[in-house]
Amino acid sequence: MSKATLLGVIAITFLAMNATRAADSLKITCTGDMLEPGGVKKSPATTLTAILSPANRATKVSIDFGQDTISPRVLSNNPLQLKFRTKDFTGEYFHYSGDMFLVYRSGNLARLNCTPR
């Protein structure tokens, strides 16, 4: 095999690996309400974009609230639920229904419905 052929094969392999990695992430958009303690008041709709990677067994989560992006620590992930935590809230994303709940230390609860982008 010539050097040019070998370099071509290596280049194609790296391109294929990068394409697979990009396709392996799940990007979701979530919208819903923020409930205050006691469930009496609802704040305006909350919108966020989340990237779960790899899509089928997320070990990394990135959440964009529109102003800044945070990377919560993944606590657990199983076929039913992905659980993650930041300093401000604990999040739970349910794979089957697309529901996400963010439970804030302040007592607020964000109830969101997510759809793939």
C-alpha atoms as a PDB file:
ATOM      1  CA  MET A   1       0.000   0.000   0.000  1.00  0.00           C
ATOM      2  CA  SER A   2       1.466   3.385  -0.948  1.00  0.00           C
ATOM      3  CA  LYS A   3       1.884   6.269   1.491  1.00  0.00           C
ATOM      4  CA  ALA A   4      -0.729   8.351  -0.345  1.00  0.00           C
ATOM      5  CA  THR A   5      -3.299   5.558  -0.119  1.00  0.00           C
ATOM      6  CA  LEU A   6      -2.525   4.996   3.557  1.00  0.00           C
ATOM      7  CA  LEU A   7      -2.871   8.722   4.330  1.00  0.00           C
ATOM      8  CA  GLY A   8      -6.177   8.793   2.437  1.00  0.00           C
ATOM      9  CA  VAL A   9      -7.531   5.862   4.456  1.00  0.00           C
ATOM     10  CA  ILE A  10      -6.449   7.502   7.720  1.00  0.00           C
ATOM     11  CA  ALA A  11      -8.075  10.825   6.751  1.00  0.00           C
ATOM     12  CA  ILE A  12     -11.369   9.136   5.827  1.00  0.00           C
ATOM     13  CA  THR A  13     -11.314   7.179   9.094  1.00  0.00           C
ATOM     14  CA  PHE A  14     -10.898  10.366  11.161  1.00  0.00           C
ATOM     15  CA  LEU A  15     -13.700  12.109   9.244  1.00  0.00           C
ATOM     16  CA  ALA A  16     -16.023   9.154   9.817  1.00  0.00           C
ATOM     17  CA  MET A  17     -15.181   9.068  13.540  1.00  0.00           C
ATOM     18  CA  ASN A  18     -15.947  12.793  13.940  1.00  0.00           C
ATOM     19  CA  ALA A  19     -19.248  12.451  12.059  1.00  0.00           C
ATOM     20  CA  THR A  20     -20.235   9.531  14.289  1.00  0.00           C
ATOM     21  CA  ARG A  21     -19.415  11.514  17.435  1.00  0.00           C
ATOM     22  CA  ALA A  22     -21.531  14.479  16.294  1.00  0.00           C
ATOM     23  CA  ALA A  23     -24.479  12.236  15.428  1.00  0.00           C
ATOM     24  CA  ASP A  24     -24.169  10.451  18.760  1.00  0.00           C
ATOM     25  CA  SER A  25     -25.368  13.500  20.738  1.00  0.00           C
ATOM     26  CA  LEU A  26     -29.039  14.162  21.391  1.00  0.00           C
ATOM     27  CA  LYS A  27     -30.013  17.842  21.268  1.00  0.00           C
ATOM     28  CA  ILE A  28     -33.371  18.636  22.874  1.00  0.00           C
ATOM     29  CA  THR A  29     -35.388  21.815  23.382  1.00  0.00           C
ATOM     30  CA  CYS A  30     -37.493  22.045  26.520  1.00  0.00           C
ATOM     31  CA  THR A  31     -40.266  24.470  27.464  1.00  0.00           C
ATOM     32  CA  GLY A  32     -42.495  24.632  30.493  1.00  0.00           C
ATOM     33  CA  ASP A  33     -43.419  26.418  33.701  1.00  0.00           C
ATOM     34  CA  MET A  34     -41.565  27.345  36.861  1.00  0.00           C
ATOM     35  CA  LEU A  35     -43.685  26.609  39.927  1.00  0.00           C
ATOM     36  CA  GLU A  36     -43.019  28.380  43.204  1.00  0.00           C
ATOM     37  CA  PRO A  37     -43.155  26.565  46.557  1.00  0.00           C
ATOM     38  CA  GLY A  38     -46.689  25.442  47.321  1.00  0.00           C
ATOM     39  CA  GLY A  39     -47.518  25.290  43.605  1.00  0.00           C
ATOM     40  CA  VAL A  40     -49.594  28.465  43.817  1.00  0.00           C
ATOM     41  CA  LYS A  41     -47.750  30.813  41.447  1.00  0.00           C
ATOM     42  CA  LYS A  42     -46.431  30.067  37.994  1.00  0.00           C
ATOM     43  CA  SER A  43     -43.601  32.122  36.582  1.00  0.00           C
ATOM     44  CA  PRO A  44     -43.335  32.818  32.846  1.00  0.00           C
ATOM     45  CA  ALA A  45     -42.436  29.918  30.588  1.00  0.00           C
ATOM     46  CA  THR A  46     -38.922  28.541  30.888  1.00  0.00           C
ATOM     47  CA  THR A  47     -37.024  27.501  27.751  1.00  0.00           C
ATOM     48  CA  LEU A  48     -33.733  25.651  27.570  1.00  0.00           C
ATOM     49  CA  THR A  49     -31.665  23.624  25.157  1.00  0.00           C
ATOM     50  CA  ALA A  50     -29.845  20.536  26.379  1.00  0.00           C
ATOM     51  CA  ILE A  51     -27.283  18.291  24.721  1.00  0.00           C
ATOM     52  CA  LEU A  52     -26.968  14.738  26.015  1.00  0.00           C
ATOM     53  CA  SER A  53     -23.966  12.770  24.840  1.00  0.00           C
ATOM     54  CA  PRO A  54     -23.700  10.049  23.940  1.00  0.00           C
ATOM     55  CA  ALA A  55     -27.384   9.995  23.084  1.00  0.00           C
ATOM     56  CA  ASN A  56     -28.144   6.473  24.265  1.00  0.00           C
ATOM     57  CA  ARG A  57     -26.145   6.493  27.545  1.00  0.00           C
ATOM     58  CA  ALA A  58     -25.426  10.128  28.423  1.00  0.00           C
ATOM     59  CA  THR A  59     -22.360  10.701  30.543  1.00  0.00           C
ATOM     60  CA  LYS A  60     -22.174  14.399  29.678  1.00  0.00           C
ATOM     61  CA  VAL A  61     -24.945  17.004  29.803  1.00  0.00           C
ATOM     62  CA  SER A  62     -24.792  20.608  28.625  1.00  0.00           C
ATOM     63  CA  ILE A  63     -27.693  22.989  29.315  1.00  0.00           C
ATOM     64  CA  ASP A  64     -28.156  26.409  27.683  1.00  0.00           C
ATOM     65  CA  PHE A  65     -30.688  28.738  29.336  1.00  0.00           C
ATOM     66  CA  GLY A  66     -30.178  31.385  26.648  1.00  0.00           C
ATOM     67  CA  GLN A  67     -27.701  33.487  28.634  1.00  0.00           C
ATOM     68  CA  ASP A  68     -25.127  30.956  29.724  1.00  0.00           C
ATOM     69  CA  THR A  69     -24.316  27.284  29.331  1.00  0.00           C
ATOM     70  CA  ILE A  70     -23.773  24.970  32.275  1.00  0.00           C
ATOM     71  CA  SER A  71     -22.450  21.421  32.446  1.00  0.00           C
ATOM     72  CA  PRO A  72     -24.122  19.564  35.312  1.00  0.00           C
ATOM     73  CA  ARG A  73     -22.636  16.437  36.839  1.00  0.00           C
ATOM     74  CA  VAL A  74     -24.434  13.245  35.774  1.00  0.00           C
ATOM     75  CA  LEU A  75     -25.528  11.287  38.857  1.00  0.00           C
ATOM     76  CA  SER A  76     -27.160   8.331  37.126  1.00  0.00           C
ATOM     77  CA  ASN A  77     -28.499   7.232  33.780  1.00  0.00           C
ATOM     78  CA  ASN A  78     -30.635   4.200  33.068  1.00  0.00           C
ATOM     79  CA  PRO A  79     -33.172   3.324  30.342  1.00  0.00           C
ATOM     80  CA  LEU A  80     -35.901   5.232  32.225  1.00  0.00           C
ATOM     81  CA  GLN A  81     -34.239   8.331  33.675  1.00  0.00           C
ATOM     82  CA  LEU A  82     -31.185  10.592  33.469  1.00  0.00           C
ATOM     83  CA  LYS A  83     -30.408  12.394  36.734  1.00  0.00           C
ATOM     84  CA  PHE A  84     -27.960  15.310  36.998  1.00  0.00           C
ATOM     85  CA  ARG A  85     -27.040  18.062  39.473  1.00  0.00           C
ATOM     86  CA  THR A  86     -25.691  21.609  39.596  1.00  0.00           C
ATOM     87  CA  LYS A  87     -25.079  23.850  42.587  1.00  0.00           C
ATOM     88  CA  ASP A  88     -28.584  25.337  42.115  1.00  0.00           C
ATOM     89  CA  PHE A  89     -30.782  22.384  41.143  1.00  0.00           C
ATOM     90  CA  THR A  90     -31.161  18.653  40.603  1.00  0.00           C
ATOM     91  CA  GLY A  91     -32.530  17.647  37.204  1.00  0.00           C
ATOM     92  CA  GLU A  92     -34.329  14.543  36.041  1.00  0.00           C
ATOM     93  CA  TYR A  93     -34.993  13.772  32.373  1.00  0.00           C
ATOM     94  CA  PHE A  94     -37.313  10.878  31.526  1.00  0.00           C
ATOM     95  CA  HIS A  95     -36.299   9.220  28.250  1.00  0.00           C
ATOM     96  CA  TYR A  96     -39.707   7.689  27.377  1.00  0.00           C
ATOM     97  CA  SER A  97     -41.911  10.732  27.926  1.00  0.00           C
ATOM     98  CA  GLY A  98     -39.463  13.567  27.215  1.00  0.00           C
ATOM     99  CA  ASP A  99     -40.343  15.213  30.549  1.00  0.00           C
ATOM    100  CA  MET A 100     -37.684  17.100  32.493  1.00  0.00           C
ATOM    101  CA  PHE A 101     -37.956  18.348  36.058  1.00  0.00           C
ATOM    102  CA  LEU A 102     -35.538  20.802  37.654  1.00  0.00           C
ATOM    103  CA  VAL A 103     -35.852  20.859  41.454  1.00  0.00           C
ATOM    104  CA  TYR A 104     -34.195  24.020  42.784  1.00  0.00           C
ATOM    105  CA  ARG A 105     -32.688  24.313  46.262  1.00  0.00           C
ATOM    106  CA  SER A 106     -34.908  27.387  46.741  1.00  0.00           C
ATOM    107  CA  GLY A 107     -37.966  25.127  46.526  1.00  0.00           C
ATOM    108  CA  ASN A 108     -38.968  26.121  42.987  1.00  0.00           C
ATOM    109  CA  LEU A 109     -39.795  23.408  40.476  1.00  0.00           C
ATOM    110  CA  ALA A 110     -39.465  23.680  36.698  1.00  0.00           C
ATOM    111  CA  ARG A 111     -41.695  21.223  34.838  1.00  0.00           C
ATOM    112  CA  LEU A 112     -40.607  20.997  31.196  1.00  0.00           C
ATOM    113  CA  ASN A 113     -41.531  18.981  28.126  1.00  0.00           C
ATOM    114  CA  CYS A 114     -38.647  18.265  25.757  1.00  0.00           C
ATOM    115  CA  THR A 115     -38.533  17.462  22.053  1.00  0.00           C
ATOM    116  CA  PRO A 116     -35.539  16.466  19.904  1.00  0.00           C
ATOM    117  CA  ARG A 117     -34.144  19.201  17.664  1.00  0.00           C
END
